[in-house]
N, C-alpha and C. Protein backbone atom coordinates (compact mmCIF):
# COMPACT_ATOMS: atom_id res chain seq x y z
N MET A 1 -4.03 -17.08 2.29
CA MET A 1 -3.39 -16.23 1.31
C MET A 1 -1.87 -16.27 1.49
N GLU A 2 -1.44 -16.27 2.73
CA GLU A 2 0.00 -16.34 3.01
C GLU A 2 0.59 -17.64 2.47
N GLN A 3 -0.13 -18.73 2.64
CA GLN A 3 0.37 -20.01 2.14
C GLN A 3 0.45 -20.01 0.62
N ASN A 4 -0.52 -19.40 -0.04
CA ASN A 4 -0.48 -19.32 -1.50
C ASN A 4 0.71 -18.50 -1.99
N ARG A 5 1.00 -17.41 -1.27
CA ARG A 5 2.14 -16.57 -1.64
C ARG A 5 3.43 -17.36 -1.47
N ARG A 6 3.55 -18.08 -0.36
CA ARG A 6 4.75 -18.88 -0.13
C ARG A 6 4.90 -19.97 -1.18
N ARG A 7 3.79 -20.58 -1.54
CA ARG A 7 3.83 -21.64 -2.56
C ARG A 7 4.27 -21.08 -3.91
N ALA A 8 3.72 -19.92 -4.26
CA ALA A 8 4.08 -19.30 -5.54
C ALA A 8 5.56 -18.93 -5.56
N LEU A 9 6.06 -18.40 -4.46
CA LEU A 9 7.49 -18.05 -4.39
C LEU A 9 8.36 -19.30 -4.43
N SER A 10 7.90 -20.34 -3.80
CA SER A 10 8.67 -21.59 -3.81
C SER A 10 8.74 -22.17 -5.22
N LEU A 11 7.61 -22.18 -5.91
CA LEU A 11 7.58 -22.73 -7.27
C LEU A 11 8.38 -21.90 -8.26
N SER A 12 8.45 -20.58 -8.00
CA SER A 12 9.18 -19.71 -8.92
C SER A 12 10.66 -19.60 -8.57
N GLY A 13 11.09 -20.31 -7.55
CA GLY A 13 12.49 -20.25 -7.16
C GLY A 13 12.84 -18.96 -6.45
N GLY A 14 11.86 -18.33 -5.81
CA GLY A 14 12.10 -17.09 -5.07
C GLY A 14 11.96 -15.83 -5.89
N ASP A 15 11.58 -15.95 -7.16
CA ASP A 15 11.41 -14.78 -8.02
C ASP A 15 10.09 -14.09 -7.70
N VAL A 16 10.15 -12.85 -7.18
CA VAL A 16 8.93 -12.14 -6.79
C VAL A 16 8.14 -11.65 -8.00
N GLY A 17 8.71 -11.71 -9.18
CA GLY A 17 7.99 -11.31 -10.39
C GLY A 17 6.75 -12.14 -10.64
N ILE A 18 6.73 -13.34 -10.11
CA ILE A 18 5.56 -14.21 -10.26
C ILE A 18 4.32 -13.58 -9.62
N LEU A 19 4.52 -12.75 -8.60
CA LEU A 19 3.40 -12.13 -7.91
C LEU A 19 2.74 -11.04 -8.74
N TRP A 20 3.42 -10.52 -9.74
CA TRP A 20 2.90 -9.42 -10.54
C TRP A 20 2.39 -9.88 -11.90
N GLN A 21 2.37 -11.16 -12.17
CA GLN A 21 1.93 -11.65 -13.46
C GLN A 21 0.41 -11.69 -13.59
N SER A 22 -0.29 -11.66 -12.49
CA SER A 22 -1.75 -11.71 -12.51
C SER A 22 -2.30 -10.30 -12.73
N GLY A 23 -3.36 -10.21 -13.51
CA GLY A 23 -3.99 -8.90 -13.74
C GLY A 23 -4.53 -8.28 -12.48
N ILE A 24 -5.10 -9.09 -11.59
CA ILE A 24 -5.65 -8.54 -10.35
C ILE A 24 -4.55 -7.98 -9.47
N SER A 25 -3.38 -8.58 -9.50
CA SER A 25 -2.26 -8.07 -8.71
C SER A 25 -1.85 -6.68 -9.18
N LEU A 26 -1.85 -6.49 -10.48
CA LEU A 26 -1.49 -5.18 -11.03
C LEU A 26 -2.53 -4.13 -10.67
N TRP A 27 -3.80 -4.50 -10.73
CA TRP A 27 -4.87 -3.55 -10.36
C TRP A 27 -4.80 -3.18 -8.89
N LEU A 28 -4.54 -4.16 -8.04
CA LEU A 28 -4.43 -3.87 -6.61
C LEU A 28 -3.22 -2.99 -6.31
N ALA A 29 -2.11 -3.25 -6.96
CA ALA A 29 -0.91 -2.43 -6.76
C ALA A 29 -1.17 -1.00 -7.23
N ALA A 30 -1.85 -0.84 -8.36
CA ALA A 30 -2.16 0.50 -8.87
C ALA A 30 -3.09 1.23 -7.90
N ALA A 31 -4.07 0.53 -7.35
CA ALA A 31 -4.99 1.15 -6.40
C ALA A 31 -4.26 1.61 -5.15
N VAL A 32 -3.35 0.79 -4.65
CA VAL A 32 -2.58 1.16 -3.47
C VAL A 32 -1.71 2.38 -3.76
N LEU A 33 -1.07 2.40 -4.91
CA LEU A 33 -0.21 3.53 -5.27
C LEU A 33 -1.01 4.83 -5.44
N LEU A 34 -2.25 4.71 -5.88
CA LEU A 34 -3.08 5.90 -6.03
C LEU A 34 -3.63 6.41 -4.70
N VAL A 35 -3.95 5.51 -3.79
CA VAL A 35 -4.57 5.88 -2.52
C VAL A 35 -3.53 6.25 -1.47
N LEU A 36 -2.36 5.68 -1.53
CA LEU A 36 -1.34 5.88 -0.51
C LEU A 36 -0.96 7.35 -0.29
N PRO A 37 -0.70 8.15 -1.32
CA PRO A 37 -0.36 9.56 -1.08
C PRO A 37 -1.49 10.32 -0.37
N TRP A 38 -2.73 10.05 -0.76
CA TRP A 38 -3.87 10.71 -0.12
C TRP A 38 -3.96 10.31 1.35
N LEU A 39 -3.80 9.02 1.62
CA LEU A 39 -3.89 8.52 2.99
C LEU A 39 -2.78 9.10 3.85
N LEU A 40 -1.56 9.13 3.33
CA LEU A 40 -0.44 9.68 4.09
C LEU A 40 -0.64 11.17 4.37
N SER A 41 -1.14 11.92 3.41
CA SER A 41 -1.36 13.35 3.64
C SER A 41 -2.42 13.57 4.71
N ARG A 42 -3.45 12.74 4.73
CA ARG A 42 -4.49 12.85 5.77
C ARG A 42 -3.91 12.54 7.15
N LEU A 43 -3.11 11.49 7.23
CA LEU A 43 -2.53 11.11 8.51
C LEU A 43 -1.55 12.17 9.01
N LEU A 44 -0.74 12.69 8.11
CA LEU A 44 0.25 13.70 8.52
C LEU A 44 -0.41 15.01 8.89
N SER A 45 -1.50 15.36 8.24
CA SER A 45 -2.17 16.62 8.57
C SER A 45 -2.83 16.54 9.94
N ARG A 46 -3.20 15.37 10.38
CA ARG A 46 -3.77 15.21 11.72
C ARG A 46 -2.71 15.32 12.80
N ARG A 47 -1.49 14.96 12.47
CA ARG A 47 -0.42 14.96 13.45
C ARG A 47 0.19 16.34 13.66
N THR A 48 0.10 17.22 12.67
CA THR A 48 0.69 18.54 12.80
C THR A 48 -0.23 19.42 13.63
N PRO A 49 0.32 20.18 14.58
CA PRO A 49 -0.53 21.05 15.40
C PRO A 49 -1.12 22.18 14.56
N ARG A 50 -2.36 22.48 14.84
CA ARG A 50 -3.02 23.55 14.10
C ARG A 50 -2.70 24.89 14.75
N GLU A 51 -2.82 25.95 13.94
CA GLU A 51 -2.53 27.28 14.45
C GLU A 51 -3.54 27.67 15.50
N ASN A 52 -3.09 28.49 16.43
CA ASN A 52 -3.97 28.98 17.47
C ASN A 52 -4.96 29.96 16.84
N THR A 53 -6.25 29.73 17.04
CA THR A 53 -7.27 30.58 16.42
C THR A 53 -7.61 31.78 17.26
N GLY A 54 -7.03 31.89 18.45
CA GLY A 54 -7.28 33.06 19.29
C GLY A 54 -8.42 32.84 20.28
N HIS A 55 -9.09 31.73 20.21
CA HIS A 55 -10.15 31.43 21.17
C HIS A 55 -9.54 30.89 22.44
N HIS A 56 -10.08 31.33 23.59
CA HIS A 56 -9.55 30.86 24.88
C HIS A 56 -10.50 29.92 25.51
């Protein structure tokens, strides 16, 4: 996959717009943008200390 990306960039003269011309690329980017906020909130909520519940 890395080689294909490099080949596409080489053929396009370094224009990254070539990577977004495929329909599957747009769907994958949309999926990442939709899932990323949820994933970040889950990760950040695990890192914050929880309140003391009073149990010893």
